[in-house]
Amino acid sequence: MINQRRMVTDKGEFVQWNRFGIDCTEFEPREDILPQYIGKNQKWFDGIGSFVFRKSEYKQCIKTFCPSFGTDN
């Protein structure tokens, strides 16, 4: 059964990850088609607990991997 709780929660100045895992999706590493493959097969680690990050640091980290993040805001 899939755990339906939110994976990421907005906590004002902070962001909380409620689940942690890795993407095990097999794909051809072509940058132009990569987004359609991300997250198709995850391995979740149970019993780890939550991680809390400053929202500004979280956004900067995401922007490092996805430069267009936040450009529509």
PDB file of N, CA and C in Angstrom:
ATOM      1  N   MET A   1       0.847  -1.190   0.000  1.00  0.00           N
ATOM      2  CA  MET A   1       0.000   0.000   0.000  1.00  0.00           C
ATOM      3  C   MET A   1       0.888   1.247   0.000  1.00  0.00           C
ATOM      4  N   ILE A   2       0.554   2.225  -0.814  1.00  0.00           N
ATOM      5  CA  ILE A   2       1.309   3.470  -0.916  1.00  0.00           C
ATOM      6  C   ILE A   2       0.907   4.400   0.215  1.00  0.00           C
ATOM      7  N   ASN A   3       1.901   4.976   0.867  1.00  0.00           N
ATOM      8  CA  ASN A   3       1.658   5.946   1.921  1.00  0.00           C
ATOM      9  C   ASN A   3       1.192   7.248   1.277  1.00  0.00           C
ATOM     10  N   GLN A   4       0.007   7.716   1.635  1.00  0.00           N
ATOM     11  CA  GLN A   4      -0.587   8.878   0.980  1.00  0.00           C
ATOM     12  C   GLN A   4      -0.244  10.214   1.636  1.00  0.00           C
ATOM     13  N   ARG A   5       0.551  10.227   2.716  1.00  0.00           N
ATOM     14  CA  ARG A   5       0.869  11.517   3.342  1.00  0.00           C
ATOM     15  C   ARG A   5       1.723  12.356   2.402  1.00  0.00           C
ATOM     16  N   ARG A   6       1.649  13.655   2.574  1.00  0.00           N
ATOM     17  CA  ARG A   6       2.427  14.572   1.738  1.00  0.00           C
ATOM     18  C   ARG A   6       3.913  14.299   1.926  1.00  0.00           C
ATOM     19  N   MET A   7       4.637  14.257   0.810  1.00  0.00           N
ATOM     20  CA  MET A   7       6.069  14.011   0.884  1.00  0.00           C
ATOM     21  C   MET A   7       6.834  15.257   1.306  1.00  0.00           C
ATOM     22  N   VAL A   8       6.347  16.433   0.890  1.00  0.00           N
ATOM     23  CA  VAL A   8       6.988  17.701   1.241  1.00  0.00           C
ATOM     24  C   VAL A   8       5.914  18.622   1.810  1.00  0.00           C
ATOM     25  N   THR A   9       6.213  19.224   2.960  1.00  0.00           N
ATOM     26  CA  THR A   9       5.257  20.108   3.621  1.00  0.00           C
ATOM     27  C   THR A   9       5.871  21.495   3.774  1.00  0.00           C
ATOM     28  N   ASP A  10       5.116  22.519   3.390  1.00  0.00           N
ATOM     29  CA  ASP A  10       5.534  23.908   3.555  1.00  0.00           C
ATOM     30  C   ASP A  10       5.270  24.307   5.004  1.00  0.00           C
ATOM     31  N   LYS A  11       6.324  24.700   5.699  1.00  0.00           N
ATOM     32  CA  LYS A  11       6.223  25.105   7.106  1.00  0.00           C
ATOM     33  C   LYS A  11       6.612  26.560   7.290  1.00  0.00           C
ATOM     34  N   GLY A  12       6.174  27.430   6.354  1.00  0.00           N
ATOM     35  CA  GLY A  12       6.516  28.845   6.459  1.00  0.00           C
ATOM     36  C   GLY A  12       7.930  29.106   5.974  1.00  0.00           C
ATOM     37  N   GLU A  13       8.843  29.401   6.900  1.00  0.00           N
ATOM     38  CA  GLU A  13      10.241  29.661   6.538  1.00  0.00           C
ATOM     39  C   GLU A  13      11.024  28.366   6.308  1.00  0.00           C
ATOM     40  N   PHE A  14      10.363  27.235   6.556  1.00  0.00           N
ATOM     41  CA  PHE A  14      11.023  25.940   6.440  1.00  0.00           C
ATOM     42  C   PHE A  14      10.245  25.015   5.510  1.00  0.00           C
ATOM     43  N   VAL A  15      10.935  23.997   5.024  1.00  0.00           N
ATOM     44  CA  VAL A  15      10.331  22.935   4.217  1.00  0.00           C
ATOM     45  C   VAL A  15      10.651  21.625   4.926  1.00  0.00           C
ATOM     46  N   GLN A  16       9.651  20.772   5.043  1.00  0.00           N
ATOM     47  CA  GLN A  16       9.848  19.490   5.732  1.00  0.00           C
ATOM     48  C   GLN A  16       9.648  18.343   4.761  1.00  0.00           C
ATOM     49  N   TRP A  17      10.652  17.485   4.650  1.00  0.00           N
ATOM     50  CA  TRP A  17      10.520  16.240   3.875  1.00  0.00           C
ATOM     51  C   TRP A  17       9.967  15.206   4.835  1.00  0.00           C
ATOM     52  N   ASN A  18       8.859  14.595   4.470  1.00  0.00           N
ATOM     53  CA  ASN A  18       8.230  13.588   5.317  1.00  0.00           C
ATOM     54  C   ASN A  18       8.599  12.171   4.913  1.00  0.00           C
ATOM     55  N   ARG A  19       9.173  12.033   3.729  1.00  0.00           N
ATOM     56  CA  ARG A  19       9.641  10.734   3.237  1.00  0.00           C
ATOM     57  C   ARG A  19      10.979  10.949   2.558  1.00  0.00           C
ATOM     58  N   PHE A  20      11.798   9.919   2.573  1.00  0.00           N
ATOM     59  CA  PHE A  20      13.102   9.996   1.942  1.00  0.00           C
ATOM     60  C   PHE A  20      13.323   8.721   1.154  1.00  0.00           C
ATOM     61  N   GLY A  21      13.800   8.875  -0.060  1.00  0.00           N
ATOM     62  CA  GLY A  21      14.058   7.703  -0.886  1.00  0.00           C
ATOM     63  C   GLY A  21      14.953   8.045  -2.058  1.00  0.00           C
ATOM     64  N   ILE A  22      15.152   7.064  -2.917  1.00  0.00           N
ATOM     65  CA  ILE A  22      15.950   7.268  -4.121  1.00  0.00           C
ATOM     66  C   ILE A  22      15.138   6.849  -5.336  1.00  0.00           C
ATOM     67  N   ASP A  23      15.459   7.439  -6.451  1.00  0.00           N
ATOM     68  CA  ASP A  23      14.807   7.108  -7.713  1.00  0.00           C
ATOM     69  C   ASP A  23      15.574   5.944  -8.341  1.00  0.00           C
ATOM     70  N   CYS A  24      14.893   4.832  -8.541  1.00  0.00           N
ATOM     71  CA  CYS A  24      15.504   3.624  -9.120  1.00  0.00           C
ATOM     72  C   CYS A  24      15.078   3.417 -10.574  1.00  0.00           C
ATOM     73  N   THR A  25      14.515   4.446 -11.188  1.00  0.00           N
ATOM     74  CA  THR A  25      14.025   4.347 -12.551  1.00  0.00           C
ATOM     75  C   THR A  25      15.177   4.109 -13.519  1.00  0.00           C
ATOM     76  N   GLU A  26      15.010   3.122 -14.384  1.00  0.00           N
ATOM     77  CA  GLU A  26      15.998   2.882 -15.437  1.00  0.00           C
ATOM     78  C   GLU A  26      15.602   3.722 -16.636  1.00  0.00           C
ATOM     79  N   PHE A  27      16.556   4.450 -17.199  1.00  0.00           N
ATOM     80  CA  PHE A  27      16.264   5.338 -18.320  1.00  0.00           C
ATOM     81  C   PHE A  27      17.520   5.578 -19.122  1.00  0.00           C
ATOM     82  N   GLU A  28      17.339   6.060 -20.327  1.00  0.00           N
ATOM     83  CA  GLU A  28      18.450   6.491 -21.168  1.00  0.00           C
ATOM     84  C   GLU A  28      18.786   7.919 -20.751  1.00  0.00           C
ATOM     85  N   PRO A  29      20.004   8.182 -20.306  1.00  0.00           N
ATOM     86  CA  PRO A  29      20.332   9.511 -19.754  1.00  0.00           C
ATOM     87  C   PRO A  29      20.439  10.611 -20.820  1.00  0.00           C
ATOM     88  N   ARG A  30      19.303  10.946 -21.422  1.00  0.00           N
ATOM     89  CA  ARG A  30      19.238  12.058 -22.373  1.00  0.00           C
ATOM     90  C   ARG A  30      18.504  13.203 -21.694  1.00  0.00           C
ATOM     91  N   GLU A  31      19.157  14.318 -21.577  1.00  0.00           N
ATOM     92  CA  GLU A  31      18.616  15.452 -20.839  1.00  0.00           C
ATOM     93  C   GLU A  31      17.271  15.937 -21.375  1.00  0.00           C
ATOM     94  N   ASP A  32      17.056  15.841 -22.685  1.00  0.00           N
ATOM     95  CA  ASP A  32      15.809  16.351 -23.256  1.00  0.00           C
ATOM     96  C   ASP A  32      14.587  15.509 -22.898  1.00  0.00           C
ATOM     97  N   ILE A  33      14.781  14.240 -22.525  1.00  0.00           N
ATOM     98  CA  ILE A  33      13.637  13.402 -22.166  1.00  0.00           C
ATOM     99  C   ILE A  33      13.651  12.974 -20.703  1.00  0.00           C
ATOM    100  N   LEU A  34      14.680  13.356 -19.972  1.00  0.00           N
ATOM    101  CA  LEU A  34      14.845  12.918 -18.583  1.00  0.00           C
ATOM    102  C   LEU A  34      13.630  13.197 -17.697  1.00  0.00           C
ATOM    103  N   PRO A  35      13.022  14.377 -17.719  1.00  0.00           N
ATOM    104  CA  PRO A  35      11.919  14.641 -16.784  1.00  0.00           C
ATOM    105  C   PRO A  35      10.766  13.642 -16.862  1.00  0.00           C
ATOM    106  N   GLN A  36      10.505  13.069 -18.022  1.00  0.00           N
ATOM    107  CA  GLN A  36       9.386  12.134 -18.099  1.00  0.00           C
ATOM    108  C   GLN A  36       9.689  10.808 -17.398  1.00  0.00           C
ATOM    109  N   TYR A  37      10.950  10.539 -17.103  1.00  0.00           N
ATOM    110  CA  TYR A  37      11.320   9.295 -16.445  1.00  0.00           C
ATOM    111  C   TYR A  37      11.513   9.430 -14.942  1.00  0.00           C
ATOM    112  N   ILE A  38      11.821  10.602 -14.468  1.00  0.00           N
ATOM    113  CA  ILE A  38      12.108  10.796 -13.050  1.00  0.00           C
ATOM    114  C   ILE A  38      10.912  10.400 -12.194  1.00  0.00           C
ATOM    115  N   GLY A  39      11.174   9.596 -11.181  1.00  0.00           N
ATOM    116  CA  GLY A  39      10.142   9.238 -10.215  1.00  0.00           C
ATOM    117  C   GLY A  39       9.214   8.115 -10.599  1.00  0.00           C
ATOM    118  N   LYS A  40       9.495   7.395 -11.655  1.00  0.00           N
ATOM    119  CA  LYS A  40       8.620   6.281 -12.055  1.00  0.00           C
ATOM    120  C   LYS A  40       8.781   5.078 -11.128  1.00  0.00           C
ATOM    121  N   ASN A  41       9.964   4.931 -10.526  1.00  0.00           N
ATOM    122  CA  ASN A  41      10.237   3.784  -9.660  1.00  0.00           C
ATOM    123  C   ASN A  41      11.087   4.261  -8.480  1.00  0.00           C
ATOM    124  N   GLN A  42      10.463   4.386  -7.321  1.00  0.00           N
ATOM    125  CA  GLN A  42      11.178   4.877  -6.150  1.00  0.00           C
ATOM    126  C   GLN A  42      11.374   3.757  -5.135  1.00  0.00           C
ATOM    127  N   LYS A  43      12.441   3.891  -4.370  1.00  0.00           N
ATOM    128  CA  LYS A  43      12.656   3.036  -3.204  1.00  0.00           C
ATOM    129  C   LYS A  43      12.609   3.955  -1.995  1.00  0.00           C
ATOM    130  N   TRP A  44      11.585   3.795  -1.166  1.00  0.00           N
ATOM    131  CA  TRP A  44      11.418   4.633   0.012  1.00  0.00           C
ATOM    132  C   TRP A  44      12.079   3.982   1.212  1.00  0.00           C
ATOM    133  N   PHE A  45      12.733   4.797   2.033  1.00  0.00           N
ATOM    134  CA  PHE A  45      13.375   4.320   3.245  1.00  0.00           C
ATOM    135  C   PHE A  45      12.428   4.577   4.411  1.00  0.00           C
ATOM    136  N   ASP A  46      11.969   3.516   5.022  1.00  0.00           N
ATOM    137  CA  ASP A  46      11.024   3.631   6.132  1.00  0.00           C
ATOM    138  C   ASP A  46      11.754   3.836   7.455  1.00  0.00           C
ATOM    139  N   GLY A  47      11.102   4.503   8.372  1.00  0.00           N
ATOM    140  CA  GLY A  47      11.625   4.653   9.715  1.00  0.00           C
ATOM    141  C   GLY A  47      12.736   5.681   9.880  1.00  0.00           C
ATOM    142  N   ILE A  48      12.964   6.515   8.884  1.00  0.00           N
ATOM    143  CA  ILE A  48      14.031   7.511   8.970  1.00  0.00           C
ATOM    144  C   ILE A  48      13.559   8.771   9.684  1.00  0.00           C
ATOM    145  N   GLY A  49      12.304   9.113   9.539  1.00  0.00           N
ATOM    146  CA  GLY A  49      11.805  10.341  10.141  1.00  0.00           C
ATOM    147  C   GLY A  49      11.814  11.477   9.125  1.00  0.00           C
ATOM    148  N   SER A  50      11.619  12.681   9.601  1.00  0.00           N
ATOM    149  CA  SER A  50      11.517  13.854   8.730  1.00  0.00           C
ATOM    150  C   SER A  50      12.838  14.623   8.676  1.00  0.00           C
ATOM    151  N   PHE A  51      13.003  15.392   7.598  1.00  0.00           N
ATOM    152  CA  PHE A  51      14.124  16.311   7.441  1.00  0.00           C
ATOM    153  C   PHE A  51      13.548  17.709   7.271  1.00  0.00           C
ATOM    154  N   VAL A  52      14.138  18.694   7.934  1.00  0.00           N
ATOM    155  CA  VAL A  52      13.655  20.070   7.852  1.00  0.00           C
ATOM    156  C   VAL A  52      14.777  20.947   7.314  1.00  0.00           C
ATOM    157  N   PHE A  53      14.435  21.789   6.324  1.00  0.00           N
ATOM    158  CA  PHE A  53      15.390  22.681   5.675  1.00  0.00           C
ATOM    159  C   PHE A  53      14.856  24.103   5.695  1.00  0.00           C
ATOM    160  N   ARG A  54      15.733  25.084   5.725  1.00  0.00           N
ATOM    161  CA  ARG A  54      15.309  26.469   5.508  1.00  0.00           C
ATOM    162  C   ARG A  54      14.787  26.569   4.083  1.00  0.00           C
ATOM    163  N   LYS A  55      13.655  27.219   3.913  1.00  0.00           N
ATOM    164  CA  LYS A  55      13.046  27.281   2.584  1.00  0.00           C
ATOM    165  C   LYS A  55      13.976  27.932   1.569  1.00  0.00           C
ATOM    166  N   SER A  56      14.688  28.980   1.954  1.00  0.00           N
ATOM    167  CA  SER A  56      15.596  29.661   1.019  1.00  0.00           C
ATOM    168  C   SER A  56      16.705  28.711   0.559  1.00  0.00           C
ATOM    169  N   GLU A  57      17.242  27.898   1.457  1.00  0.00           N
ATOM    170  CA  GLU A  57      18.291  26.939   1.089  1.00  0.00           C
ATOM    171  C   GLU A  57      17.724  25.809   0.240  1.00  0.00           C
ATOM    172  N   TYR A  58      16.519  25.382   0.564  1.00  0.00           N
ATOM    173  CA  TYR A  58      15.848  24.330  -0.205  1.00  0.00           C
ATOM    174  C   TYR A  58      15.621  24.779  -1.652  1.00  0.00           C
ATOM    175  N   LYS A  59      15.115  26.005  -1.818  1.00  0.00           N
ATOM    176  CA  LYS A  59      14.873  26.538  -3.162  1.00  0.00           C
ATOM    177  C   LYS A  59      16.171  26.666  -3.955  1.00  0.00           C
ATOM    178  N   GLN A  60      17.244  27.105  -3.300  1.00  0.00           N
ATOM    179  CA  GLN A  60      18.533  27.225  -3.984  1.00  0.00           C
ATOM    180  C   GLN A  60      19.043  25.858  -4.421  1.00  0.00           C
ATOM    181  N   CYS A  61      18.874  24.856  -3.594  1.00  0.00           N
ATOM    182  CA  CYS A  61      19.298  23.496  -3.938  1.00  0.00           C
ATOM    183  C   CYS A  61      18.508  22.988  -5.143  1.00  0.00           C
ATOM    184  N   ILE A  62      17.196  23.169  -5.127  1.00  0.00           N
ATOM    185  CA  ILE A  62      16.353  22.728  -6.254  1.00  0.00           C
ATOM    186  C   ILE A  62      16.763  23.471  -7.524  1.00  0.00           C
ATOM    187  N   LYS A  63      17.020  24.768  -7.412  1.00  0.00           N
ATOM    188  CA  LYS A  63      17.395  25.572  -8.574  1.00  0.00           C
ATOM    189  C   LYS A  63      18.727  25.104  -9.178  1.00  0.00           C
ATOM    190  N   THR A  64      19.618  24.563  -8.356  1.00  0.00           N
ATOM    191  CA  THR A  64      20.883  24.028  -8.851  1.00  0.00           C
ATOM    192  C   THR A  64      20.635  22.892  -9.841  1.00  0.00           C
ATOM    193  N   PHE A  65      19.633  22.057  -9.557  1.00  0.00           N
ATOM    194  CA  PHE A  65      19.332  20.907 -10.406  1.00  0.00           C
ATOM    195  C   PHE A  65      18.307  21.233 -11.480  1.00  0.00           C
ATOM    196  N   CYS A  66      17.509  22.253 -11.261  1.00  0.00           N
ATOM    197  CA  CYS A  66      16.467  22.647 -12.226  1.00  0.00           C
ATOM    198  C   CYS A  66      16.476  24.169 -12.343  1.00  0.00           C
ATOM    199  N   PRO A  67      17.349  24.718 -13.218  1.00  0.00           N
ATOM    200  CA  PRO A  67      17.523  26.173 -13.317  1.00  0.00           C
ATOM    201  C   PRO A  67      16.233  26.961 -13.584  1.00  0.00           C
ATOM    202  N   SER A  68      15.232  26.343 -14.180  1.00  0.00           N
ATOM    203  CA  SER A  68      13.987  27.066 -14.460  1.00  0.00           C
ATOM    204  C   SER A  68      13.046  27.099 -13.253  1.00  0.00           C
ATOM    205  N   PHE A  69      13.410  26.455 -12.132  1.00  0.00           N
ATOM    206  CA  PHE A  69      12.567  26.435 -10.949  1.00  0.00           C
ATOM    207  C   PHE A  69      12.283  27.841 -10.463  1.00  0.00           C
ATOM    208  N   GLY A  70      11.005  28.144 -10.260  1.00  0.00           N
ATOM    209  CA  GLY A  70      10.610  29.415  -9.703  1.00  0.00           C
ATOM    210  C   GLY A  70      10.489  30.549 -10.702  1.00  0.00           C
ATOM    211  N   THR A  71      10.738  30.302 -11.975  1.00  0.00           N
ATOM    212  CA  THR A  71      10.656  31.385 -12.951  1.00  0.00           C
ATOM    213  C   THR A  71       9.224  31.758 -13.289  1.00  0.00           C
ATOM    214  N   ASP A  72       8.270  30.895 -12.937  1.00  0.00           N
ATOM    215  CA  ASP A  72       6.867  31.212 -13.215  1.00  0.00           C
ATOM    216  C   ASP A  72       6.196  31.885 -12.035  1.00  0.00           C
ATOM    217  N   ASN A  73       6.921  32.143 -10.956  1.00  0.00           N
ATOM    218  CA  ASN A  73       6.357  32.802  -9.758  1.00  0.00           C
ATOM    219  C   ASN A  73       6.517  34.291  -9.838  1.00  0.00           C
TER     220      ASN A  73
END
